[in-house]
Amino acid sequence: MLRWISFLLGFLWLAPCSAATVANQVRFPTLAPGGSATMLTATVYQPSGPGPFPAVVVLHHCGGIDADLHTWGRHLADLGYVSILPDSFGPRGTGRVCATGTVRPGERVPDAYAAADYLRTLPEVRGDRIGLIGFSHGAGTISALVSRPPMSAPFRAAIAYYPNCPSAVASVNVPTLILIGAKDDWTPAAPCAAWGAYIADPHKLDVVVYPNAYHKFDGIGTHEVQGTMGRTHHLEHDQDATADANARAEAFLAQWLKP
């Protein structure tokens, strides 16, 4: 019965969001590797009402922006956040980097700051209450971002679903929540757990490891994906881990971004 309730809650969470959510396509500059300017495209989802609202930058995985990411964008808007989904790959002439690694997660750190800087130009956004959420490749961007000095105004909070964590542990400059599976064979949990043990302060870095979960545990179905160097990785949905992770993510954002 509990698993059935968990399934229903997950289904409702993924259901179409409120028609009051407004979506806009925008463009803004970011720094490419080497310091040259690149124009990014992004989708912005805005809640109804006058605002100003807190905001969340949503960073896509190695496959680029997909329907799941737009579901997140609309869901965040329904929760009262302006969300922005920057496309880091299309403007750089690629759509997927899962097997090629042509864009590395750390190279997207300027994109996250550029998206936040753009949000601060909007009167509907609380410029002092902007957070981050990323998935896989985008979560690796968050790992790199929170362990480096800020490039611009700092973020208030960051959430990373199954990221690559640094092998050399480092301090964090943003309160960060990491959600990862113990059976992940693409972005292993052990470095993340070691990072959390090194920081030893869950208010700064909270690492949650799901013992039975694989990579992309919040996705649909079970399948294999080819990564770099010809390696094949296992992806499998885990409804219990998904329900818990999404509830933690919502609570974490509310804790750090809501007035």
Protein backbone atom coordinates (compact mmCIF):
# COMPACT_ATOMS: atom_id res chain seq x y z
CA MET A 1 0.00 0.00 0.00
CA LEU A 2 2.79 2.45 0.90
CA ARG A 3 4.53 1.83 -2.44
CA TRP A 4 1.23 2.44 -4.25
CA ILE A 5 0.76 5.73 -2.41
CA SER A 6 4.34 6.68 -3.29
CA PHE A 7 3.62 5.92 -6.95
CA LEU A 8 0.49 8.08 -6.92
CA LEU A 9 2.33 10.98 -5.29
CA GLY A 10 5.04 10.77 -7.93
CA PHE A 11 2.43 10.70 -10.69
CA LEU A 12 0.69 13.75 -9.28
CA TRP A 13 4.01 15.58 -8.97
CA LEU A 14 4.69 14.96 -12.68
CA ALA A 15 1.18 15.92 -13.79
CA PRO A 16 0.68 19.03 -15.96
CA CYS A 17 1.14 22.20 -13.97
CA SER A 18 -1.10 25.20 -13.51
CA ALA A 19 -2.21 27.05 -16.62
CA ALA A 20 -1.30 30.24 -14.77
CA THR A 21 2.41 29.50 -15.27
CA VAL A 22 3.92 31.82 -17.91
CA ALA A 23 6.79 30.64 -20.16
CA ASN A 24 9.14 32.94 -22.08
CA GLN A 25 12.15 32.34 -24.33
CA VAL A 26 15.13 34.58 -23.55
CA ARG A 27 18.78 35.09 -24.55
CA PHE A 28 21.75 36.37 -22.59
CA PRO A 29 25.57 36.23 -22.85
CA THR A 30 27.87 33.86 -21.02
CA LEU A 31 31.60 33.21 -21.09
CA ALA A 32 32.83 30.29 -23.19
CA PRO A 33 36.08 28.47 -22.37
CA GLY A 34 38.88 30.85 -23.22
CA GLY A 35 36.86 33.92 -22.21
CA SER A 36 34.96 34.55 -25.47
CA ALA A 37 31.29 35.55 -25.24
CA THR A 38 28.55 33.07 -26.18
CA MET A 39 24.83 33.82 -26.33
CA LEU A 40 22.73 31.29 -24.44
CA THR A 41 19.05 30.59 -24.99
CA ALA A 42 16.79 29.71 -22.07
CA THR A 43 13.18 29.13 -21.07
CA VAL A 44 11.83 31.10 -18.13
CA TYR A 45 8.78 29.90 -16.20
CA GLN A 46 7.09 32.51 -14.03
CA PRO A 47 4.38 32.10 -11.38
CA SER A 48 1.19 34.11 -11.65
CA GLY A 49 0.87 37.12 -9.40
CA PRO A 50 2.83 40.33 -8.85
CA GLY A 51 5.98 38.98 -7.16
CA PRO A 52 8.79 39.52 -6.59
CA PHE A 53 9.55 35.79 -6.34
CA PRO A 54 12.63 33.77 -5.39
CA ALA A 55 14.17 32.00 -8.38
CA VAL A 56 15.91 28.76 -9.36
CA VAL A 57 18.41 28.08 -12.16
CA VAL A 58 17.80 24.56 -13.54
CA LEU A 59 20.81 22.86 -15.18
CA HIS A 60 20.21 20.02 -17.66
CA HIS A 61 21.96 16.65 -17.96
CA CYS A 62 24.34 15.47 -20.71
CA GLY A 63 21.43 14.91 -23.10
CA GLY A 64 20.37 18.55 -23.03
CA ILE A 65 16.98 20.01 -22.18
CA ASP A 66 14.14 17.48 -22.29
CA ALA A 67 10.51 17.12 -21.19
CA ASP A 68 11.52 16.16 -17.64
CA LEU A 69 13.43 19.42 -17.24
CA HIS A 70 10.44 21.46 -18.47
CA THR A 71 8.29 19.57 -15.95
CA TRP A 72 10.68 20.74 -13.24
CA GLY A 73 10.53 24.31 -14.55
CA ARG A 74 6.74 24.41 -14.48
CA HIS A 75 6.59 22.65 -11.11
CA LEU A 76 8.97 25.18 -9.55
CA ALA A 77 6.82 28.01 -10.91
CA ASP A 78 3.76 26.40 -9.32
CA LEU A 79 5.69 26.36 -6.03
CA GLY A 80 6.25 30.11 -6.29
CA TYR A 81 9.70 30.32 -7.92
CA VAL A 82 10.73 31.91 -11.20
CA SER A 83 12.70 29.12 -12.93
CA ILE A 84 15.16 29.45 -15.79
CA LEU A 85 16.37 26.54 -17.97
CA PRO A 86 19.52 27.61 -19.86
CA ASP A 87 20.61 25.51 -22.84
CA SER A 88 24.38 25.08 -22.54
CA PHE A 89 24.77 22.81 -25.57
CA GLY A 90 22.71 24.16 -28.51
CA PRO A 91 24.49 27.54 -28.71
CA ARG A 92 27.83 25.67 -28.59
CA GLY A 93 26.86 23.55 -31.59
CA THR A 94 26.06 20.27 -29.86
CA GLY A 95 22.95 18.52 -28.56
CA ARG A 96 24.29 15.62 -26.47
CA VAL A 97 27.68 15.12 -24.83
CA CYS A 98 27.04 11.86 -22.94
CA ALA A 99 29.38 9.82 -25.13
CA THR A 100 31.71 12.59 -26.28
CA GLY A 101 32.40 14.81 -23.26
CA THR A 102 32.87 17.76 -25.63
CA VAL A 103 31.47 20.11 -22.96
CA ARG A 104 32.68 19.42 -19.44
CA PRO A 105 30.51 20.15 -16.39
CA GLY A 106 32.95 22.74 -15.04
CA GLU A 107 32.79 24.69 -18.31
CA ARG A 108 29.13 25.44 -17.60
CA VAL A 109 29.77 27.27 -14.31
CA PRO A 110 29.71 30.67 -16.10
CA ASP A 111 26.33 29.70 -17.61
CA ALA A 112 24.79 29.28 -14.15
CA TYR A 113 26.04 32.69 -13.01
CA ALA A 114 24.96 34.30 -16.29
CA ALA A 115 21.45 32.88 -15.86
CA ALA A 116 21.29 34.25 -12.31
CA ASP A 117 22.55 37.64 -13.47
CA TYR A 118 19.83 37.68 -16.12
CA LEU A 119 17.19 36.82 -13.52
CA ARG A 120 18.32 39.79 -11.43
CA THR A 121 17.32 42.11 -14.29
CA LEU A 122 13.68 40.99 -13.94
CA PRO A 123 11.48 43.01 -11.57
CA GLU A 124 9.57 39.79 -10.75
CA VAL A 125 12.68 38.19 -9.17
CA ARG A 126 14.14 38.51 -5.69
CA GLY A 127 17.76 38.97 -6.71
CA ASP A 128 19.03 38.00 -3.26
CA ARG A 129 17.15 34.66 -3.26
CA ILE A 130 18.33 32.63 -6.24
CA GLY A 131 19.10 28.91 -6.00
CA LEU A 132 20.38 26.14 -8.26
CA ILE A 133 19.23 22.65 -9.12
CA GLY A 134 21.04 20.33 -11.54
CA PHE A 135 20.92 16.78 -12.83
CA SER A 136 23.90 14.50 -13.69
CA HIS A 137 26.09 16.66 -15.99
CA GLY A 138 24.38 19.80 -14.64
CA ALA A 139 24.81 18.49 -11.10
CA GLY A 140 28.53 18.15 -11.84
CA THR A 141 28.45 21.82 -12.79
CA ILE A 142 27.03 22.50 -9.33
CA SER A 143 29.81 20.47 -7.67
CA ALA A 144 32.36 22.60 -9.51
CA LEU A 145 30.52 25.84 -8.77
CA VAL A 146 30.08 25.38 -5.03
CA SER A 147 33.73 24.43 -4.54
CA ARG A 148 35.12 27.52 -6.33
CA PRO A 149 35.11 31.24 -5.48
CA PRO A 150 31.90 32.91 -6.80
CA MET A 151 32.11 34.53 -10.24
CA SER A 152 29.23 36.88 -9.48
CA ALA A 153 26.68 37.41 -6.70
CA PRO A 154 26.55 34.11 -4.78
CA PHE A 155 23.65 31.68 -4.88
CA ARG A 156 21.60 31.03 -1.76
CA ALA A 157 21.34 27.25 -2.14
CA ALA A 158 22.19 24.40 -4.54
CA ILE A 159 20.74 20.92 -5.14
CA ALA A 160 22.63 18.28 -7.15
CA TYR A 161 20.94 15.08 -8.32
CA TYR A 162 23.60 12.35 -8.88
CA PRO A 163 26.63 14.58 -9.58
CA ASN A 164 30.28 13.85 -10.12
CA CYS A 165 31.87 14.96 -6.86
CA PRO A 166 35.45 16.21 -6.57
CA SER A 167 38.02 13.54 -5.77
CA ALA A 168 39.98 16.12 -3.77
CA VAL A 169 37.53 17.32 -1.15
CA ALA A 170 37.04 21.06 -0.90
CA SER A 171 35.03 23.62 1.03
CA VAL A 172 31.63 24.77 -0.23
CA ASN A 173 30.52 28.37 -0.71
CA VAL A 174 26.77 27.62 -0.96
CA PRO A 175 24.52 25.42 1.24
CA THR A 176 24.31 22.28 -0.90
CA LEU A 177 22.14 19.15 -0.99
CA ILE A 178 23.40 16.10 -2.91
CA LEU A 179 21.02 13.24 -3.80
CA ILE A 180 22.66 10.14 -5.23
CA GLY A 181 22.31 6.35 -5.48
CA ALA A 182 24.72 3.89 -3.88
CA LYS A 183 24.54 1.69 -7.02
CA ASP A 184 25.33 4.56 -9.41
CA ASP A 185 28.00 3.31 -11.85
CA TRP A 186 28.28 6.61 -13.78
CA THR A 187 28.73 9.18 -11.00
CA PRO A 188 29.77 7.08 -7.98
CA ALA A 189 28.43 7.96 -4.56
CA ALA A 190 31.66 7.31 -2.63
CA PRO A 191 33.40 10.63 -3.48
CA CYS A 192 30.23 12.52 -2.55
CA ALA A 193 29.98 10.69 0.78
CA ALA A 194 33.65 11.43 1.45
CA TRP A 195 33.06 15.10 0.63
CA GLY A 196 30.15 15.22 3.07
CA ALA A 197 32.23 13.55 5.78
CA TYR A 198 35.03 16.06 5.23
CA ILE A 199 32.71 19.09 5.53
CA ALA A 200 30.97 17.41 8.51
CA ASP A 201 28.21 20.02 8.58
CA PRO A 202 24.87 19.09 6.92
CA HIS A 203 23.84 22.76 6.98
CA LYS A 204 26.68 23.39 4.51
CA LEU A 205 26.76 20.07 2.61
CA ASP A 206 24.09 17.41 3.08
CA VAL A 207 24.75 14.18 1.14
CA VAL A 208 21.86 11.70 0.92
CA VAL A 209 22.77 8.27 -0.49
CA TYR A 210 19.93 5.93 -1.50
CA PRO A 211 21.16 2.35 -0.94
CA ASN A 212 19.23 0.67 -3.77
CA ALA A 213 19.25 3.48 -6.34
CA TYR A 214 21.11 3.75 -9.66
CA HIS A 215 21.93 6.76 -11.83
CA LYS A 216 18.90 8.84 -12.87
CA PHE A 217 16.76 7.12 -10.26
CA ASP A 218 14.09 9.78 -10.83
CA GLY A 219 13.75 8.92 -14.53
CA ILE A 220 11.34 6.54 -16.24
CA GLY A 221 12.02 2.83 -16.71
CA THR A 222 15.29 0.91 -16.89
CA HIS A 223 17.86 1.19 -19.67
CA GLU A 224 21.56 1.39 -20.52
CA VAL A 225 23.36 4.50 -21.78
CA GLN A 226 26.75 4.78 -23.42
CA GLY A 227 29.06 7.26 -21.75
CA THR A 228 32.55 8.46 -22.59
CA MET A 229 35.35 5.99 -23.41
CA GLY A 230 32.73 3.47 -24.60
CA ARG A 231 31.51 2.65 -21.10
CA THR A 232 27.90 1.57 -20.63
CA HIS A 233 25.99 2.78 -17.58
CA HIS A 234 22.83 1.46 -15.93
CA LEU A 235 19.88 3.80 -15.41
CA GLU A 236 16.89 2.65 -13.37
CA HIS A 237 13.86 4.34 -11.85
CA ASP A 238 13.40 4.05 -8.08
CA GLN A 239 10.04 5.42 -6.98
CA ASP A 240 10.86 5.49 -3.26
CA ALA A 241 14.14 7.33 -3.79
CA THR A 242 12.41 9.72 -6.19
CA ALA A 243 9.63 10.57 -3.76
CA ASP A 244 12.08 11.15 -0.91
CA ALA A 245 14.56 13.13 -3.03
CA ASN A 246 11.89 15.41 -4.49
CA ALA A 247 10.41 16.07 -1.05
CA ARG A 248 13.87 16.90 0.32
CA ALA A 249 14.57 19.18 -2.66
CA GLU A 250 11.34 21.13 -2.18
CA ALA A 251 11.94 21.51 1.56
CA PHE A 252 15.55 22.59 0.98
CA LEU A 253 14.55 25.28 -1.51
CA ALA A 254 11.84 26.56 0.79
CA GLN A 255 14.26 26.68 3.72
CA TRP A 256 16.84 28.78 1.90
CA LEU A 257 14.84 30.79 -0.66
CA LYS A 258 11.45 31.55 0.81
CA PRO A 259 11.24 34.66 3.04
